[in-house]
Amino acid sequence: MTATLMRVPKFRNTQWVSFIGGEGIVRSYKPEEGTWMYLIEMALGLEPDFGRVGAETKILLTEADLRHSSNQLADFIQG
């Protein structure tokens, strides 16, 4: 049996991150193929007059695709 060493994740759950195309909050992460994969829930825009249809948009991104964000909206969303 061989052991595979991985770095600790760069981002944590509920952390606000940015990426090409938007911003969002880390909802979960897991090791995959020598890197960390993150499930990101994208920030919602203003609610349209007719209300929301469906769930928020979530995407999977690698650690290399993410950057720390200093968005002040994160404090509001997280509670």
N, C-alpha and C. Protein backbone atom coordinates (compact mmCIF):
# COMPACT_ATOMS: atom_id res chain seq x y z
N MET A 1 0.85 -1.17 0.00
CA MET A 1 0.00 0.00 0.00
C MET A 1 0.90 1.24 0.00
N THR A 2 0.53 2.23 -0.79
CA THR A 2 1.28 3.48 -0.83
C THR A 2 0.41 4.61 -0.33
N ALA A 3 1.03 5.54 0.32
CA ALA A 3 0.31 6.71 0.84
C ALA A 3 0.47 7.86 -0.14
N THR A 4 -0.59 8.58 -0.36
CA THR A 4 -0.56 9.77 -1.20
C THR A 4 -0.71 10.99 -0.31
N LEU A 5 0.25 11.89 -0.39
CA LEU A 5 0.20 13.11 0.41
C LEU A 5 -0.42 14.24 -0.39
N MET A 6 -1.33 14.95 0.24
CA MET A 6 -1.95 16.12 -0.40
C MET A 6 -1.84 17.30 0.54
N ARG A 7 -1.76 18.47 -0.05
CA ARG A 7 -1.77 19.69 0.76
C ARG A 7 -3.15 19.85 1.40
N VAL A 8 -3.19 20.65 2.44
CA VAL A 8 -4.48 20.97 3.04
C VAL A 8 -5.23 21.89 2.06
N PRO A 9 -6.55 21.89 2.11
CA PRO A 9 -7.30 22.75 1.19
C PRO A 9 -7.00 24.23 1.43
N LYS A 10 -6.97 24.99 0.36
CA LYS A 10 -6.70 26.43 0.45
C LYS A 10 -7.94 27.20 0.93
N PHE A 11 -9.12 26.68 0.64
CA PHE A 11 -10.38 27.34 0.99
C PHE A 11 -11.19 26.43 1.91
N ARG A 12 -12.12 27.01 2.66
CA ARG A 12 -12.93 26.24 3.60
C ARG A 12 -14.42 26.49 3.33
N ASN A 13 -15.26 25.68 3.94
CA ASN A 13 -16.71 25.85 3.79
C ASN A 13 -17.13 27.24 4.25
N THR A 14 -18.09 27.80 3.58
CA THR A 14 -18.69 29.12 3.80
C THR A 14 -17.74 30.28 3.48
N GLN A 15 -16.60 29.99 2.88
CA GLN A 15 -15.68 31.08 2.50
C GLN A 15 -16.11 31.67 1.16
N TRP A 16 -16.04 32.99 1.06
CA TRP A 16 -16.39 33.72 -0.15
C TRP A 16 -15.20 33.67 -1.10
N VAL A 17 -15.42 33.24 -2.35
CA VAL A 17 -14.34 33.14 -3.33
C VAL A 17 -14.78 33.79 -4.64
N SER A 18 -13.80 34.12 -5.47
CA SER A 18 -14.11 34.65 -6.80
C SER A 18 -13.42 33.77 -7.83
N PHE A 19 -13.90 33.85 -9.06
CA PHE A 19 -13.38 33.06 -10.16
C PHE A 19 -13.78 33.76 -11.45
N ILE A 20 -13.21 33.34 -12.55
CA ILE A 20 -13.58 33.95 -13.82
C ILE A 20 -15.06 33.68 -14.05
N GLY A 21 -15.84 34.72 -14.14
CA GLY A 21 -17.27 34.58 -14.37
C GLY A 21 -18.13 34.85 -13.16
N GLY A 22 -17.53 35.09 -12.00
CA GLY A 22 -18.39 35.39 -10.87
C GLY A 22 -17.76 35.22 -9.52
N GLU A 23 -18.65 35.13 -8.53
CA GLU A 23 -18.27 34.95 -7.14
C GLU A 23 -19.24 33.97 -6.51
N GLY A 24 -18.83 33.42 -5.39
CA GLY A 24 -19.73 32.51 -4.69
C GLY A 24 -19.15 32.06 -3.37
N ILE A 25 -19.84 31.13 -2.75
CA ILE A 25 -19.49 30.62 -1.43
C ILE A 25 -19.15 29.13 -1.56
N VAL A 26 -18.07 28.72 -0.92
CA VAL A 26 -17.69 27.31 -0.90
C VAL A 26 -18.71 26.55 -0.06
N ARG A 27 -19.33 25.55 -0.64
CA ARG A 27 -20.31 24.73 0.09
C ARG A 27 -19.74 23.38 0.48
N SER A 28 -18.78 22.87 -0.28
CA SER A 28 -18.10 21.63 0.09
C SER A 28 -16.86 21.49 -0.77
N TYR A 29 -15.99 20.56 -0.37
CA TYR A 29 -14.79 20.29 -1.17
C TYR A 29 -14.34 18.86 -0.91
N LYS A 30 -13.58 18.31 -1.88
CA LYS A 30 -13.08 16.95 -1.75
C LYS A 30 -11.83 16.79 -2.60
N PRO A 31 -10.94 15.88 -2.19
CA PRO A 31 -9.75 15.64 -3.00
C PRO A 31 -10.12 14.87 -4.27
N GLU A 32 -9.49 15.23 -5.37
CA GLU A 32 -9.75 14.54 -6.63
C GLU A 32 -8.55 14.73 -7.56
N GLU A 33 -7.96 13.64 -7.96
CA GLU A 33 -6.84 13.63 -8.91
C GLU A 33 -5.72 14.58 -8.53
N GLY A 34 -5.29 14.55 -7.28
CA GLY A 34 -4.15 15.35 -6.84
C GLY A 34 -4.44 16.81 -6.55
N THR A 35 -5.69 17.21 -6.59
CA THR A 35 -6.05 18.58 -6.27
C THR A 35 -7.35 18.57 -5.46
N TRP A 36 -7.81 19.73 -5.10
CA TRP A 36 -9.09 19.84 -4.39
C TRP A 36 -10.14 20.35 -5.35
N MET A 37 -11.32 19.73 -5.31
CA MET A 37 -12.47 20.18 -6.09
C MET A 37 -13.44 20.83 -5.11
N TYR A 38 -13.98 21.99 -5.51
CA TYR A 38 -14.87 22.76 -4.65
C TYR A 38 -16.23 22.92 -5.29
N LEU A 39 -17.27 22.70 -4.50
CA LEU A 39 -18.64 22.99 -4.93
C LEU A 39 -18.92 24.42 -4.51
N ILE A 40 -19.14 25.29 -5.48
CA ILE A 40 -19.35 26.71 -5.23
C ILE A 40 -20.80 27.08 -5.55
N GLU A 41 -21.45 27.72 -4.60
CA GLU A 41 -22.80 28.25 -4.82
C GLU A 41 -22.64 29.70 -5.24
N MET A 42 -23.04 29.99 -6.46
CA MET A 42 -22.86 31.34 -6.99
C MET A 42 -23.83 32.31 -6.34
N ALA A 43 -23.37 33.56 -6.26
CA ALA A 43 -24.20 34.62 -5.70
C ALA A 43 -25.40 34.88 -6.62
N LEU A 44 -26.53 35.14 -6.01
CA LEU A 44 -27.73 35.45 -6.78
C LEU A 44 -27.81 36.94 -7.03
N GLY A 45 -28.33 37.29 -8.16
CA GLY A 45 -28.59 38.70 -8.44
C GLY A 45 -29.88 39.11 -7.76
N LEU A 46 -30.37 40.27 -8.12
CA LEU A 46 -31.65 40.73 -7.58
C LEU A 46 -32.76 39.79 -8.00
N GLU A 47 -33.72 39.60 -7.12
CA GLU A 47 -34.84 38.71 -7.44
C GLU A 47 -35.74 39.39 -8.47
N PRO A 48 -36.07 38.68 -9.57
CA PRO A 48 -36.95 39.27 -10.58
C PRO A 48 -38.37 39.43 -10.05
N ASP A 49 -39.15 40.26 -10.71
CA ASP A 49 -40.53 40.53 -10.30
C ASP A 49 -41.37 39.26 -10.20
N PHE A 50 -41.09 38.28 -11.04
CA PHE A 50 -41.89 37.06 -11.07
C PHE A 50 -41.37 35.99 -10.10
N GLY A 51 -40.36 36.32 -9.28
CA GLY A 51 -39.84 35.39 -8.29
C GLY A 51 -38.77 34.46 -8.86
N ARG A 52 -38.24 33.63 -8.01
CA ARG A 52 -37.20 32.67 -8.40
C ARG A 52 -37.85 31.38 -8.90
N VAL A 53 -37.21 30.79 -9.89
CA VAL A 53 -37.64 29.49 -10.39
C VAL A 53 -36.46 28.54 -10.25
N GLY A 54 -36.56 27.58 -9.37
CA GLY A 54 -35.47 26.62 -9.20
C GLY A 54 -34.47 27.03 -8.15
N ALA A 55 -33.46 26.18 -8.02
CA ALA A 55 -32.44 26.37 -6.99
C ALA A 55 -31.33 27.30 -7.46
N GLU A 56 -30.45 27.66 -6.53
CA GLU A 56 -29.30 28.49 -6.86
C GLU A 56 -28.36 27.71 -7.78
N THR A 57 -27.52 28.42 -8.50
CA THR A 57 -26.56 27.79 -9.39
C THR A 57 -25.34 27.34 -8.60
N LYS A 58 -24.97 26.08 -8.77
CA LYS A 58 -23.78 25.54 -8.13
C LYS A 58 -22.86 24.98 -9.21
N ILE A 59 -21.55 25.21 -9.04
CA ILE A 59 -20.58 24.71 -10.00
C ILE A 59 -19.42 24.06 -9.28
N LEU A 60 -18.75 23.14 -9.97
CA LEU A 60 -17.55 22.49 -9.44
C LEU A 60 -16.33 23.14 -10.08
N LEU A 61 -15.38 23.57 -9.25
CA LEU A 61 -14.16 24.19 -9.74
C LEU A 61 -12.96 23.64 -9.00
N THR A 62 -11.82 23.62 -9.67
CA THR A 62 -10.59 23.20 -9.01
C THR A 62 -10.03 24.35 -8.18
N GLU A 63 -9.13 24.03 -7.29
CA GLU A 63 -8.52 25.04 -6.43
C GLU A 63 -7.80 26.11 -7.26
N ALA A 64 -7.19 25.71 -8.37
CA ALA A 64 -6.47 26.66 -9.22
C ALA A 64 -7.39 27.70 -9.85
N ASP A 65 -8.68 27.39 -9.95
CA ASP A 65 -9.64 28.32 -10.57
C ASP A 65 -10.16 29.37 -9.60
N LEU A 66 -9.86 29.23 -8.31
CA LEU A 66 -10.45 30.09 -7.29
C LEU A 66 -9.46 31.10 -6.73
N ARG A 67 -9.99 32.23 -6.29
CA ARG A 67 -9.21 33.28 -5.63
C ARG A 67 -9.96 33.71 -4.38
N HIS A 68 -9.22 34.18 -3.38
CA HIS A 68 -9.86 34.76 -2.18
C HIS A 68 -10.63 36.00 -2.61
N SER A 69 -11.76 36.25 -2.00
CA SER A 69 -12.56 37.42 -2.30
C SER A 69 -12.80 38.21 -1.03
N SER A 70 -12.85 39.51 -1.17
CA SER A 70 -13.13 40.36 0.00
C SER A 70 -14.51 40.98 -0.11
N ASN A 71 -15.42 40.28 -0.75
CA ASN A 71 -16.78 40.77 -0.95
C ASN A 71 -17.49 40.93 0.40
N GLN A 72 -17.99 42.11 0.67
CA GLN A 72 -18.69 42.39 1.93
C GLN A 72 -20.06 41.74 1.98
N LEU A 73 -20.61 41.34 0.84
CA LEU A 73 -21.91 40.70 0.79
C LEU A 73 -21.86 39.34 1.50
N ALA A 74 -20.69 38.74 1.60
CA ALA A 74 -20.55 37.42 2.22
C ALA A 74 -21.04 37.43 3.66
N ASP A 75 -20.73 38.48 4.41
CA ASP A 75 -21.17 38.56 5.80
C ASP A 75 -22.69 38.56 5.89
N PHE A 76 -23.33 39.23 4.96
CA PHE A 76 -24.79 39.30 4.93
C PHE A 76 -25.38 37.92 4.61
N ILE A 77 -24.85 37.23 3.62
CA ILE A 77 -25.38 35.95 3.19
C ILE A 77 -25.17 34.88 4.26
N GLN A 78 -24.02 34.89 4.91
CA GLN A 78 -23.69 33.85 5.87
C GLN A 78 -24.42 34.02 7.19
N GLY A 79 -25.09 35.13 7.38
CA GLY A 79 -25.89 35.25 8.57
C GLY A 79 -25.48 36.35 9.44
